[in-house]
Amino acid sequence: MARPLPNEIEREVTRLFEEGEAFVDEEDDASALACFEAAWKLIPEPKEAWQHALQVLGAVADSHFHLGDYEVCSREMQLVLLSGGEPGHPFITLRLGQCYLELGLEQQASNWLVTAMMSGGVEVFEGETPSGDQDHAAWNCFAALFTSCLMISSIVIPSLWAAKFRIRRCRRIGVATATTSSPDT
């Protein structure tokens, strides 16, 4: 369990974090990064032992992502995981997958992006695209895969449940099914 920061440090970290978030809203990622890094420097060592540390480090990493520094973002997100961040957290896994995709590490990207989808659903991808510089085949493949998964799950899963329900109902009323010729007791 992370310890609370001393009051004076917590006030300043909170102020800097909120200032950084305001810069994020204005899409001024360089200024946001400066605020988040200043907040990070205020947190005493070992940083992972203190409240707000993971939130601030995640914001530092995300700023690097938006500035196009994918290698630094991936290192910072890995540090978030090593410092106690949830391995299946949709935001962390999404950013790691996106970074690896941008760095050309498509297999690693696949692993993290699938984890992001499994933990956050396809909604985690809304509004997210690869960098404007490239059209990534892997990202397009994921989009097709997720669309297919949604189509399959919306058709197959309800059909399977309906079939299972019909089989159980038939067994209860004594109608023979393909799997049994006598009702279950």
Foldseek 3Di string as FASTA:
>chain_A
DADEDPPVLVVQLVVLQVVLVVCVVVVVLVSSLVSLVVNQVSQDPVNLNHPPNLVSLLSNLVSCVSVVNLVVSLVSLVVSVVSPDDPLALVSLQSNLLSCQSVVNLVSSVVSNVSNCVRPNCVSCVPPDHDPVDHGPSVVVVVVVSVVVVVCCVPVVVVVVVVVVVVLVCLVVFHQDPVGNGHDD
